[in-house]
Amino acid sequence: MKPVSELLRLRAGTLRTVRPEVSVFDALKLLADYEVGALVVMDGTRMIGIVSERDYTRKVALQGRNSKETPVADIMTTNVFRVAPSTRTRDCMALMREKRIRHLPVADGERVLGMISIRDLMDDMIHDHEVTIAQLESYIHS
């Protein structure tokens, strides 16, 4: 398995962020526009949380709150697990499974470099398997 920095390199410049004072409704529009399931919540250059579709469903929709009046800061997840760029994809998968999370910010110290999702890891794993299968088929047929 490769370090997570390789996954980020393939998606250079795709860190999607939102400010804590933005309404949940506007954050939902960003999620839809970017076609992602979570955004990193930034206060200036500092990550203070993440907000996901799961946060919306559990902390707004199910509680009857108004998404246009509720700021992201009120529903974001603040206890955020993060990984270093050198973390192996297999270790990211294990952490996501253990903590029941779908998104992991990648940070070098306090500097957020990007965020990976369970989908990113699954796509990478499938690609690796396809390459291995192609190599085995080539070996068998040669």
N, C-alpha and C. Protein backbone atom coordinates (compact mmCIF):
# COMPACT_ATOMS: atom_id res chain seq x y z
N MET A 1 0.84 -1.19 0.00
CA MET A 1 0.00 0.00 0.00
C MET A 1 0.88 1.25 0.00
N LYS A 2 0.39 2.28 -0.62
CA LYS A 2 1.15 3.51 -0.80
C LYS A 2 0.83 4.53 0.28
N PRO A 3 1.69 5.54 0.40
CA PRO A 3 1.37 6.62 1.34
C PRO A 3 0.22 7.47 0.79
N VAL A 4 -0.54 8.03 1.68
CA VAL A 4 -1.71 8.82 1.30
C VAL A 4 -1.32 10.06 0.49
N SER A 5 -0.09 10.52 0.62
CA SER A 5 0.37 11.68 -0.17
C SER A 5 0.25 11.42 -1.67
N GLU A 6 0.38 10.15 -2.09
CA GLU A 6 0.23 9.82 -3.50
C GLU A 6 -1.20 10.01 -3.98
N LEU A 7 -2.16 9.70 -3.14
CA LEU A 7 -3.56 9.94 -3.50
C LEU A 7 -3.83 11.43 -3.62
N LEU A 8 -3.27 12.21 -2.71
CA LEU A 8 -3.47 13.66 -2.76
C LEU A 8 -2.83 14.27 -4.00
N ARG A 9 -1.69 13.74 -4.39
CA ARG A 9 -0.99 14.27 -5.56
C ARG A 9 -1.85 14.12 -6.82
N LEU A 10 -2.59 13.04 -6.90
CA LEU A 10 -3.47 12.81 -8.05
C LEU A 10 -4.62 13.80 -8.10
N ARG A 11 -4.98 14.35 -6.95
CA ARG A 11 -6.09 15.30 -6.87
C ARG A 11 -5.61 16.66 -6.40
N ALA A 12 -4.49 17.10 -6.90
CA ALA A 12 -3.89 18.36 -6.45
C ALA A 12 -4.89 19.51 -6.49
N GLY A 13 -4.90 20.30 -5.43
CA GLY A 13 -5.74 21.50 -5.39
C GLY A 13 -7.20 21.24 -5.11
N THR A 14 -7.53 20.11 -4.51
CA THR A 14 -8.95 19.81 -4.29
C THR A 14 -9.37 19.87 -2.82
N LEU A 15 -8.64 20.59 -2.00
CA LEU A 15 -9.08 20.75 -0.61
C LEU A 15 -10.29 21.68 -0.60
N ARG A 16 -11.40 21.17 -0.15
CA ARG A 16 -12.64 21.94 -0.11
C ARG A 16 -12.89 22.39 1.32
N THR A 17 -13.05 23.69 1.51
CA THR A 17 -13.18 24.24 2.85
C THR A 17 -14.42 25.12 2.97
N VAL A 18 -14.76 25.42 4.22
CA VAL A 18 -15.85 26.33 4.53
C VAL A 18 -15.50 27.04 5.84
N ARG A 19 -16.00 28.23 6.01
CA ARG A 19 -15.79 28.97 7.26
C ARG A 19 -16.88 28.61 8.27
N PRO A 20 -16.58 28.70 9.55
CA PRO A 20 -17.55 28.28 10.58
C PRO A 20 -18.82 29.12 10.64
N GLU A 21 -18.74 30.37 10.20
CA GLU A 21 -19.92 31.24 10.27
C GLU A 21 -20.88 31.08 9.09
N VAL A 22 -20.50 30.32 8.09
CA VAL A 22 -21.34 30.09 6.92
C VAL A 22 -22.55 29.26 7.33
N SER A 23 -23.69 29.53 6.73
CA SER A 23 -24.89 28.76 7.07
C SER A 23 -24.76 27.33 6.57
N VAL A 24 -25.43 26.44 7.26
CA VAL A 24 -25.44 25.04 6.86
C VAL A 24 -26.00 24.91 5.45
N PHE A 25 -27.01 25.69 5.12
CA PHE A 25 -27.59 25.66 3.78
C PHE A 25 -26.54 25.96 2.72
N ASP A 26 -25.74 27.01 2.94
CA ASP A 26 -24.69 27.35 1.97
C ASP A 26 -23.60 26.27 1.92
N ALA A 27 -23.32 25.66 3.05
CA ALA A 27 -22.35 24.56 3.07
C ALA A 27 -22.89 23.37 2.27
N LEU A 28 -24.18 23.11 2.38
CA LEU A 28 -24.79 22.03 1.60
C LEU A 28 -24.68 22.31 0.10
N LYS A 29 -24.85 23.57 -0.27
CA LYS A 29 -24.69 23.93 -1.68
C LYS A 29 -23.26 23.66 -2.14
N LEU A 30 -22.29 23.97 -1.29
CA LEU A 30 -20.89 23.68 -1.63
C LEU A 30 -20.65 22.18 -1.78
N LEU A 31 -21.21 21.40 -0.88
CA LEU A 31 -21.07 19.94 -0.97
C LEU A 31 -21.61 19.44 -2.32
N ALA A 32 -22.76 19.97 -2.70
CA ALA A 32 -23.36 19.57 -3.98
C ALA A 32 -22.53 20.06 -5.16
N ASP A 33 -22.10 21.31 -5.12
CA ASP A 33 -21.30 21.87 -6.22
C ASP A 33 -20.00 21.11 -6.42
N TYR A 34 -19.34 20.76 -5.32
CA TYR A 34 -18.05 20.07 -5.39
C TYR A 34 -18.21 18.55 -5.51
N GLU A 35 -19.44 18.07 -5.33
CA GLU A 35 -19.72 16.63 -5.37
C GLU A 35 -18.87 15.86 -4.36
N VAL A 36 -18.86 16.37 -3.12
CA VAL A 36 -18.13 15.74 -2.02
C VAL A 36 -19.08 15.53 -0.85
N GLY A 37 -18.67 14.73 0.10
CA GLY A 37 -19.50 14.45 1.26
C GLY A 37 -19.12 15.20 2.52
N ALA A 38 -17.97 15.94 2.47
CA ALA A 38 -17.53 16.68 3.66
C ALA A 38 -16.62 17.82 3.26
N LEU A 39 -16.61 18.84 4.11
CA LEU A 39 -15.75 20.01 3.92
C LEU A 39 -14.92 20.21 5.18
N VAL A 40 -13.70 20.68 5.01
CA VAL A 40 -12.87 21.04 6.16
C VAL A 40 -13.31 22.43 6.62
N VAL A 41 -13.56 22.59 7.90
CA VAL A 41 -13.96 23.89 8.45
C VAL A 41 -12.68 24.60 8.90
N MET A 42 -12.44 25.77 8.31
CA MET A 42 -11.21 26.51 8.57
C MET A 42 -11.52 27.85 9.20
N ASP A 43 -10.74 28.18 10.23
CA ASP A 43 -10.75 29.51 10.83
C ASP A 43 -9.42 30.13 10.45
N GLY A 44 -9.43 30.89 9.37
CA GLY A 44 -8.17 31.39 8.81
C GLY A 44 -7.40 30.23 8.21
N THR A 45 -6.22 29.96 8.73
CA THR A 45 -5.40 28.86 8.22
C THR A 45 -5.46 27.64 9.14
N ARG A 46 -6.31 27.69 10.14
CA ARG A 46 -6.39 26.61 11.14
C ARG A 46 -7.65 25.78 10.96
N MET A 47 -7.47 24.45 10.87
CA MET A 47 -8.61 23.55 10.79
C MET A 47 -9.24 23.45 12.17
N ILE A 48 -10.56 23.70 12.23
CA ILE A 48 -11.26 23.62 13.51
C ILE A 48 -12.31 22.51 13.51
N GLY A 49 -12.49 21.86 12.37
CA GLY A 49 -13.45 20.77 12.30
C GLY A 49 -13.71 20.35 10.87
N ILE A 50 -14.66 19.44 10.74
CA ILE A 50 -15.18 19.10 9.42
C ILE A 50 -16.70 19.08 9.52
N VAL A 51 -17.35 19.33 8.40
CA VAL A 51 -18.80 19.25 8.35
C VAL A 51 -19.15 18.31 7.20
N SER A 52 -20.04 17.38 7.49
CA SER A 52 -20.38 16.35 6.51
C SER A 52 -21.89 16.24 6.34
N GLU A 53 -22.25 15.47 5.33
CA GLU A 53 -23.67 15.18 5.12
C GLU A 53 -24.25 14.50 6.36
N ARG A 54 -23.45 13.68 7.01
CA ARG A 54 -23.89 13.00 8.22
C ARG A 54 -24.19 14.01 9.34
N ASP A 55 -23.32 15.03 9.47
CA ASP A 55 -23.58 16.08 10.46
C ASP A 55 -24.91 16.76 10.18
N TYR A 56 -25.17 17.04 8.91
CA TYR A 56 -26.43 17.69 8.54
C TYR A 56 -27.63 16.81 8.92
N THR A 57 -27.59 15.56 8.52
CA THR A 57 -28.76 14.71 8.76
C THR A 57 -29.03 14.52 10.25
N ARG A 58 -27.97 14.37 11.02
CA ARG A 58 -28.15 14.09 12.45
C ARG A 58 -28.37 15.33 13.30
N LYS A 59 -27.78 16.46 12.91
CA LYS A 59 -27.80 17.63 13.78
C LYS A 59 -28.67 18.78 13.28
N VAL A 60 -29.20 18.64 12.06
CA VAL A 60 -30.12 19.66 11.54
C VAL A 60 -31.45 19.01 11.18
N ALA A 61 -31.43 18.15 10.18
CA ALA A 61 -32.67 17.56 9.68
C ALA A 61 -33.44 16.81 10.77
N LEU A 62 -32.78 15.93 11.50
CA LEU A 62 -33.47 15.14 12.51
C LEU A 62 -33.85 15.94 13.75
N GLN A 63 -33.21 17.08 13.96
CA GLN A 63 -33.53 17.91 15.12
C GLN A 63 -34.45 19.07 14.77
N GLY A 64 -34.88 19.14 13.52
CA GLY A 64 -35.82 20.17 13.12
C GLY A 64 -35.24 21.58 13.08
N ARG A 65 -33.93 21.69 12.92
CA ARG A 65 -33.30 23.01 12.85
C ARG A 65 -33.45 23.58 11.44
N ASN A 66 -33.26 24.86 11.33
CA ASN A 66 -33.33 25.54 10.04
C ASN A 66 -31.92 25.68 9.47
N SER A 67 -31.68 25.07 8.33
CA SER A 67 -30.33 25.07 7.75
C SER A 67 -29.89 26.45 7.27
N LYS A 68 -30.83 27.34 7.00
CA LYS A 68 -30.46 28.69 6.55
C LYS A 68 -30.07 29.59 7.73
N GLU A 69 -30.50 29.21 8.93
CA GLU A 69 -30.20 30.02 10.12
C GLU A 69 -29.11 29.41 11.00
N THR A 70 -28.79 28.16 10.77
CA THR A 70 -27.80 27.47 11.60
C THR A 70 -26.42 27.59 10.99
N PRO A 71 -25.45 28.10 11.74
CA PRO A 71 -24.08 28.16 11.20
C PRO A 71 -23.38 26.80 11.28
N VAL A 72 -22.46 26.60 10.37
CA VAL A 72 -21.67 25.38 10.33
C VAL A 72 -21.04 25.08 11.69
N ALA A 73 -20.58 26.12 12.39
CA ALA A 73 -19.93 25.94 13.69
C ALA A 73 -20.81 25.18 14.69
N ASP A 74 -22.13 25.29 14.55
CA ASP A 74 -23.05 24.64 15.48
C ASP A 74 -23.18 23.14 15.24
N ILE A 75 -22.83 22.67 14.06
CA ILE A 75 -23.04 21.25 13.77
C ILE A 75 -21.77 20.49 13.38
N MET A 76 -20.67 21.19 13.17
CA MET A 76 -19.44 20.54 12.69
C MET A 76 -18.90 19.56 13.72
N THR A 77 -18.15 18.60 13.23
CA THR A 77 -17.45 17.66 14.09
C THR A 77 -16.12 18.29 14.46
N THR A 78 -15.86 18.42 15.75
CA THR A 78 -14.61 19.07 16.17
C THR A 78 -13.54 18.08 16.59
N ASN A 79 -13.93 16.89 16.97
CA ASN A 79 -12.97 15.85 17.35
C ASN A 79 -12.57 15.11 16.07
N VAL A 80 -11.68 15.72 15.30
CA VAL A 80 -11.36 15.22 13.97
C VAL A 80 -10.08 14.39 14.00
N PHE A 81 -10.20 13.17 13.51
CA PHE A 81 -9.01 12.34 13.32
C PHE A 81 -8.33 12.83 12.05
N ARG A 82 -7.02 12.85 12.08
CA ARG A 82 -6.27 13.26 10.89
C ARG A 82 -5.07 12.35 10.74
N VAL A 83 -4.53 12.34 9.53
CA VAL A 83 -3.36 11.51 9.24
C VAL A 83 -2.28 12.37 8.60
N ALA A 84 -1.06 11.87 8.67
CA ALA A 84 0.09 12.54 8.04
C ALA A 84 0.19 12.08 6.59
N PRO A 85 0.87 12.85 5.75
CA PRO A 85 1.03 12.46 4.35
C PRO A 85 1.72 11.11 4.17
N SER A 86 2.53 10.73 5.13
CA SER A 86 3.27 9.45 5.03
C SER A 86 2.44 8.25 5.47
N THR A 87 1.25 8.47 6.00
CA THR A 87 0.40 7.37 6.46
C THR A 87 0.02 6.49 5.28
N ARG A 88 0.13 5.20 5.46
CA ARG A 88 -0.20 4.25 4.40
C ARG A 88 -1.71 4.14 4.23
N THR A 89 -2.13 3.92 2.99
CA THR A 89 -3.56 3.84 2.71
C THR A 89 -4.23 2.73 3.52
N ARG A 90 -3.53 1.63 3.73
CA ARG A 90 -4.09 0.52 4.53
C ARG A 90 -4.37 1.00 5.96
N ASP A 91 -3.48 1.81 6.53
CA ASP A 91 -3.68 2.32 7.88
C ASP A 91 -4.85 3.31 7.93
N CYS A 92 -5.02 4.08 6.86
CA CYS A 92 -6.17 5.00 6.78
C CYS A 92 -7.47 4.21 6.76
N MET A 93 -7.48 3.14 5.98
CA MET A 93 -8.65 2.28 5.90
C MET A 93 -8.99 1.70 7.27
N ALA A 94 -7.97 1.23 7.98
CA ALA A 94 -8.19 0.64 9.31
C ALA A 94 -8.74 1.69 10.28
N LEU A 95 -8.19 2.90 10.24
CA LEU A 95 -8.68 3.97 11.12
C LEU A 95 -10.12 4.32 10.80
N MET A 96 -10.44 4.43 9.53
CA MET A 96 -11.82 4.75 9.14
C MET A 96 -12.79 3.66 9.60
N ARG A 97 -12.38 2.42 9.44
CA ARG A 97 -13.24 1.31 9.85
C ARG A 97 -13.42 1.32 11.38
N GLU A 98 -12.32 1.49 12.10
CA GLU A 98 -12.36 1.46 13.56
C GLU A 98 -13.19 2.61 14.14
N LYS A 99 -13.03 3.80 13.59
CA LYS A 99 -13.71 4.98 14.12
C LYS A 99 -15.06 5.26 13.45
N ARG A 100 -15.40 4.44 12.44
CA ARG A 100 -16.66 4.59 11.71
C ARG A 100 -16.80 5.98 11.11
N ILE A 101 -15.74 6.39 10.40
CA ILE A 101 -15.72 7.68 9.73
C ILE A 101 -15.50 7.48 8.24
N ARG A 102 -15.85 8.48 7.45
CA ARG A 102 -15.73 8.37 6.00
C ARG A 102 -14.75 9.35 5.39
N HIS A 103 -14.26 10.29 6.18
CA HIS A 103 -13.36 11.32 5.68
C HIS A 103 -12.21 11.53 6.65
N LEU A 104 -11.01 11.72 6.09
CA LEU A 104 -9.82 11.94 6.90
C LEU A 104 -9.02 13.11 6.34
N PRO A 105 -8.90 14.18 7.10
CA PRO A 105 -7.98 15.24 6.67
C PRO A 105 -6.54 14.74 6.73
N VAL A 106 -5.76 15.21 5.78
CA VAL A 106 -4.33 14.89 5.74
C VAL A 106 -3.61 16.19 6.08
N ALA A 107 -2.78 16.14 7.13
CA ALA A 107 -2.12 17.36 7.59
C ALA A 107 -0.64 17.12 7.84
N ASP A 108 0.12 18.13 7.53
CA ASP A 108 1.55 18.14 7.85
C ASP A 108 1.68 19.13 9.00
N GLY A 109 1.71 18.61 10.22
CA GLY A 109 1.65 19.48 11.39
C GLY A 109 0.27 20.11 11.45
N GLU A 110 0.21 21.42 11.49
CA GLU A 110 -1.06 22.13 11.53
C GLU A 110 -1.57 22.50 10.14
N ARG A 111 -0.74 22.31 9.12
CA ARG A 111 -1.12 22.68 7.75
C ARG A 111 -1.91 21.55 7.08
N VAL A 112 -3.17 21.84 6.75
CA VAL A 112 -4.02 20.85 6.11
C VAL A 112 -3.68 20.79 4.62
N LEU A 113 -3.35 19.59 4.15
CA LEU A 113 -2.95 19.40 2.76
C LEU A 113 -4.10 18.93 1.88
N GLY A 114 -5.05 18.26 2.48
CA GLY A 114 -6.18 17.73 1.72
C GLY A 114 -7.03 16.85 2.61
N MET A 115 -7.99 16.21 1.97
CA MET A 115 -8.83 15.28 2.70
C MET A 115 -9.11 14.09 1.78
N ILE A 116 -9.06 12.91 2.35
CA ILE A 116 -9.37 11.71 1.59
C ILE A 116 -10.66 11.11 2.13
N SER A 117 -11.34 10.42 1.25
CA SER A 117 -12.58 9.77 1.63
C SER A 117 -12.44 8.27 1.50
N ILE A 118 -13.37 7.56 2.05
CA ILE A 118 -13.38 6.11 1.91
C ILE A 118 -13.46 5.75 0.43
N ARG A 119 -14.14 6.57 -0.36
CA ARG A 119 -14.23 6.32 -1.80
C ARG A 119 -12.86 6.42 -2.46
N ASP A 120 -12.06 7.40 -2.06
CA ASP A 120 -10.71 7.53 -2.60
C ASP A 120 -9.89 6.26 -2.33
N LEU A 121 -10.00 5.76 -1.12
CA LEU A 121 -9.26 4.56 -0.76
C LEU A 121 -9.76 3.33 -1.51
N MET A 122 -11.07 3.21 -1.66
CA MET A 122 -11.63 2.07 -2.39
C MET A 122 -11.25 2.14 -3.87
N ASP A 123 -11.32 3.32 -4.47
CA ASP A 123 -10.92 3.47 -5.88
C ASP A 123 -9.47 3.08 -6.08
N ASP A 124 -8.61 3.49 -5.15
CA ASP A 124 -7.19 3.15 -5.24
C ASP A 124 -6.97 1.66 -5.09
N MET A 125 -7.68 1.05 -4.16
CA MET A 125 -7.54 -0.39 -3.94
C MET A 125 -8.01 -1.16 -5.18
N ILE A 126 -9.12 -0.76 -5.76
CA ILE A 126 -9.62 -1.42 -6.96
C ILE A 126 -8.63 -1.27 -8.11
N HIS A 127 -8.08 -0.08 -8.28
CA HIS A 127 -7.09 0.15 -9.33
C HIS A 127 -5.88 -0.77 -9.14
N ASP A 128 -5.39 -0.86 -7.90
CA ASP A 128 -4.25 -1.74 -7.62
C ASP A 128 -4.58 -3.19 -7.96
N HIS A 129 -5.78 -3.63 -7.63
CA HIS A 129 -6.18 -5.01 -7.93
C HIS A 129 -6.26 -5.24 -9.44
N GLU A 130 -6.80 -4.25 -10.16
CA GLU A 130 -6.89 -4.38 -11.62
C GLU A 130 -5.51 -4.48 -12.25
N VAL A 131 -4.55 -3.72 -11.76
CA VAL A 131 -3.18 -3.78 -12.27
C VAL A 131 -2.58 -5.15 -11.99
N THR A 132 -2.79 -5.65 -10.79
CA THR A 132 -2.26 -6.97 -10.43
C THR A 132 -2.87 -8.06 -11.32
N ILE A 133 -4.16 -7.99 -11.54
CA ILE A 133 -4.83 -8.98 -12.38
C ILE A 133 -4.29 -8.92 -13.81
N ALA A 134 -4.13 -7.71 -14.34
CA ALA A 134 -3.59 -7.57 -15.69
C ALA A 134 -2.18 -8.14 -15.79
N GLN A 135 -1.37 -7.91 -14.77
CA GLN A 135 -0.01 -8.46 -14.78
C GLN A 135 -0.02 -9.98 -14.70
N LEU A 136 -0.89 -10.54 -13.89
CA LEU A 136 -0.99 -12.00 -13.79
C LEU A 136 -1.49 -12.62 -15.09
N GLU A 137 -2.47 -11.97 -15.70
CA GLU A 137 -2.98 -12.47 -16.99
C GLU A 137 -1.89 -12.41 -18.05
N SER A 138 -1.14 -11.36 -18.06
CA SER A 138 -0.03 -11.23 -19.01
C SER A 138 1.01 -12.32 -18.77
N TYR A 139 1.30 -12.59 -17.54
CA TYR A 139 2.27 -13.62 -17.19
C TYR A 139 1.78 -15.00 -17.63
N ILE A 140 0.50 -15.28 -17.38
CA ILE A 140 -0.08 -16.58 -17.74
C ILE A 140 -0.08 -16.79 -19.25
N HIS A 141 -0.36 -15.74 -20.00
CA HIS A 141 -0.48 -15.84 -21.46
C HIS A 141 0.86 -15.71 -22.18
N SER A 142 1.92 -15.48 -21.47
CA SER A 142 3.21 -15.34 -22.17
C SER A 142 4.05 -16.59 -22.11
